[in-house]
């Protein structure tokens, strides 16, 4: 085997191993973080809470039955 081919093969194996480690780390990070909520859901919940607080002062409180 020529020295250049040997070095190329060793560098390729090293790079593939680095890529595997990077993929493994990325998979661990995404698994530990949990699913993220979309921005539209967060904004929607925020608007509902804001509307509820604004209407709280304008609507009469209901008596317990």
N, C-alpha and C. Protein backbone atom coordinates (compact mmCIF):
# COMPACT_ATOMS: atom_id res chain seq x y z
N UNK A 1 0.84 -1.16 0.00
CA UNK A 1 0.00 0.00 0.00
C UNK A 1 0.90 1.24 0.00
N UNK A 2 0.56 2.17 -0.82
CA UNK A 2 1.31 3.41 -0.92
C UNK A 2 1.08 4.25 0.33
N UNK A 3 2.06 5.05 0.71
CA UNK A 3 1.94 5.86 1.91
C UNK A 3 0.80 6.86 1.81
N UNK A 4 0.59 7.45 0.62
CA UNK A 4 -0.48 8.42 0.44
C UNK A 4 -1.85 7.76 0.65
N UNK A 5 -2.01 6.57 0.13
CA UNK A 5 -3.29 5.87 0.31
C UNK A 5 -3.51 5.53 1.77
N UNK A 6 -2.45 5.15 2.46
CA UNK A 6 -2.57 4.82 3.87
C UNK A 6 -2.98 6.06 4.68
N UNK A 7 -2.34 7.19 4.42
CA UNK A 7 -2.69 8.43 5.12
C UNK A 7 -4.11 8.87 4.81
N UNK A 8 -4.50 8.75 3.55
CA UNK A 8 -5.85 9.12 3.15
C UNK A 8 -6.88 8.24 3.87
N UNK A 9 -6.62 6.96 3.93
CA UNK A 9 -7.52 6.02 4.61
C UNK A 9 -7.62 6.35 6.10
N UNK A 10 -6.51 6.64 6.73
CA UNK A 10 -6.51 6.97 8.16
C UNK A 10 -7.26 8.27 8.42
N UNK A 11 -7.07 9.26 7.55
CA UNK A 11 -7.78 10.53 7.72
C UNK A 11 -9.28 10.36 7.51
N UNK A 12 -9.67 9.53 6.57
CA UNK A 12 -11.08 9.28 6.32
C UNK A 12 -11.73 8.58 7.51
N UNK A 13 -11.04 7.59 8.08
CA UNK A 13 -11.58 6.89 9.25
C UNK A 13 -11.74 7.86 10.42
N UNK A 14 -10.76 8.73 10.59
CA UNK A 14 -10.83 9.70 11.69
C UNK A 14 -11.99 10.67 11.49
N UNK A 15 -12.17 11.13 10.28
CA UNK A 15 -13.27 12.07 9.98
C UNK A 15 -14.63 11.40 10.16
N UNK A 16 -14.77 10.17 9.73
CA UNK A 16 -16.03 9.44 9.90
C UNK A 16 -16.33 9.26 11.38
N UNK A 17 -15.31 8.95 12.17
CA UNK A 17 -15.53 8.80 13.61
C UNK A 17 -15.94 10.11 14.25
N UNK A 18 -15.35 11.24 13.83
CA UNK A 18 -15.75 12.55 14.33
C UNK A 18 -17.20 12.85 13.99
N UNK A 19 -17.62 12.49 12.77
CA UNK A 19 -19.00 12.72 12.35
C UNK A 19 -19.96 11.86 13.16
N UNK A 20 -19.60 10.63 13.46
CA UNK A 20 -20.44 9.76 14.28
C UNK A 20 -20.61 10.33 15.69
N UNK A 21 -19.52 10.81 16.26
CA UNK A 21 -19.59 11.39 17.60
C UNK A 21 -20.46 12.64 17.59
N UNK A 22 -20.32 13.48 16.57
CA UNK A 22 -21.13 14.69 16.48
C UNK A 22 -22.61 14.35 16.34
N UNK A 23 -22.93 13.34 15.56
CA UNK A 23 -24.33 12.91 15.41
C UNK A 23 -24.87 12.35 16.72
N UNK A 24 -24.05 11.61 17.43
CA UNK A 24 -24.47 11.04 18.72
C UNK A 24 -24.74 12.15 19.73
N UNK A 25 -23.86 13.16 19.79
CA UNK A 25 -24.05 14.28 20.70
C UNK A 25 -25.31 15.06 20.33
N UNK A 26 -25.55 15.28 19.04
CA UNK A 26 -26.75 16.01 18.62
C UNK A 26 -28.01 15.23 18.98
N UNK A 27 -27.98 13.92 18.85
CA UNK A 27 -29.13 13.10 19.21
C UNK A 27 -29.39 13.16 20.71
N UNK A 28 -28.34 13.14 21.51
CA UNK A 28 -28.51 13.25 22.96
C UNK A 28 -29.09 14.60 23.36
N UNK A 29 -28.60 15.67 22.73
CA UNK A 29 -29.11 17.00 23.04
C UNK A 29 -30.59 17.12 22.70
N UNK A 30 -30.98 16.65 21.54
CA UNK A 30 -32.38 16.77 21.15
C UNK A 30 -33.28 15.89 22.00
N UNK A 31 -32.78 14.75 22.46
CA UNK A 31 -33.59 13.87 23.31
C UNK A 31 -33.75 14.46 24.70
N UNK A 32 -32.74 15.11 25.22
CA UNK A 32 -32.82 15.65 26.58
C UNK A 32 -33.60 16.96 26.62
N UNK A 33 -33.64 17.68 25.54
CA UNK A 33 -34.31 18.97 25.50
C UNK A 33 -35.82 18.82 25.44
N UNK A 34 -36.30 17.77 24.82
CA UNK A 34 -37.73 17.59 24.68
C UNK A 34 -38.26 18.36 23.48
N UNK A 35 -39.49 18.11 23.13
CA UNK A 35 -40.05 18.79 21.97
C UNK A 35 -40.32 20.27 22.27
N UNK A 36 -40.05 21.12 21.31
CA UNK A 36 -40.29 22.54 21.47
C UNK A 36 -41.65 22.89 20.90
N UNK A 37 -42.34 23.81 21.56
CA UNK A 37 -43.63 24.25 21.06
C UNK A 37 -43.43 25.28 19.96
N UNK A 38 -44.28 25.23 18.94
CA UNK A 38 -44.16 26.24 17.87
C UNK A 38 -44.45 27.64 18.40
N UNK A 39 -43.89 28.64 17.73
CA UNK A 39 -44.05 30.02 18.15
C UNK A 39 -45.52 30.42 18.12
N UNK A 40 -46.27 29.95 17.13
CA UNK A 40 -47.68 30.34 17.03
C UNK A 40 -48.47 29.83 18.23
N UNK A 41 -48.10 28.70 18.79
CA UNK A 41 -48.79 28.18 19.97
C UNK A 41 -48.47 29.04 21.18
N UNK A 42 -47.21 29.40 21.33
CA UNK A 42 -46.81 30.24 22.46
C UNK A 42 -47.50 31.60 22.38
N UNK A 43 -47.51 32.20 21.19
CA UNK A 43 -48.15 33.51 21.02
C UNK A 43 -49.65 33.39 21.26
N UNK A 44 -50.27 32.31 20.79
CA UNK A 44 -51.70 32.11 21.01
C UNK A 44 -52.05 32.01 22.48
N UNK A 45 -51.27 31.24 23.23
CA UNK A 45 -51.52 31.13 24.67
C UNK A 45 -51.31 32.47 25.37
N UNK A 46 -50.31 33.21 24.95
CA UNK A 46 -50.04 34.52 25.52
C UNK A 46 -51.21 35.46 25.26
N UNK A 47 -51.76 35.45 24.04
CA UNK A 47 -52.89 36.32 23.72
C UNK A 47 -54.14 35.94 24.51
N UNK A 48 -54.37 34.65 24.68
CA UNK A 48 -55.53 34.21 25.47
C UNK A 48 -55.39 34.68 26.91
N UNK A 49 -54.22 34.53 27.49
CA UNK A 49 -54.01 34.98 28.87
C UNK A 49 -54.16 36.49 28.99
N UNK A 50 -53.62 37.22 28.01
CA UNK A 50 -53.75 38.67 28.02
C UNK A 50 -55.22 39.08 27.91
N UNK A 51 -55.95 38.45 27.02
CA UNK A 51 -57.37 38.76 26.87
C UNK A 51 -58.16 38.43 28.12
N UNK A 52 -57.83 37.33 28.77
CA UNK A 52 -58.51 36.96 30.00
C UNK A 52 -58.25 37.99 31.09
N UNK A 53 -57.04 38.46 31.18
CA UNK A 53 -56.72 39.48 32.20
C UNK A 53 -57.41 40.79 31.90
N UNK A 54 -57.47 41.15 30.62
CA UNK A 54 -58.13 42.41 30.27
C UNK A 54 -59.63 42.33 30.54
N UNK A 55 -60.25 41.22 30.21
CA UNK A 55 -61.69 41.07 30.42
C UNK A 55 -62.06 40.83 31.87
N UNK A 56 -61.12 40.46 32.68
CA UNK A 56 -61.39 40.17 34.08
C UNK A 56 -61.93 41.41 34.80
N UNK A 57 -61.45 42.57 34.46
CA UNK A 57 -61.91 43.80 35.10
C UNK A 57 -63.25 44.28 34.58
N UNK A 58 -63.66 43.85 33.37
CA UNK A 58 -64.88 44.35 32.75
C UNK A 58 -66.09 43.46 32.97
N UNK A 59 -65.90 42.21 33.28
CA UNK A 59 -67.03 41.30 33.45
C UNK A 59 -67.33 41.12 34.93
N UNK A 60 -68.62 41.01 35.28
CA UNK A 60 -68.94 40.82 36.70
C UNK A 60 -68.55 39.40 37.13
N UNK A 61 -68.18 39.27 38.39
CA UNK A 61 -67.82 37.96 38.93
C UNK A 61 -69.07 37.16 39.13
N UNK A 62 -69.04 35.88 38.81
CA UNK A 62 -70.20 35.02 38.98
C UNK A 62 -70.27 34.51 40.42
N UNK A 63 -71.45 34.44 40.92
CA UNK A 63 -71.64 33.91 42.27
C UNK A 63 -71.60 32.39 42.22
N UNK A 64 -71.12 31.80 43.28
CA UNK A 64 -71.08 30.34 43.36
C UNK A 64 -72.49 29.79 43.47
N UNK A 65 -72.79 28.71 42.81
CA UNK A 65 -74.14 28.15 42.80
C UNK A 65 -74.47 27.39 44.06
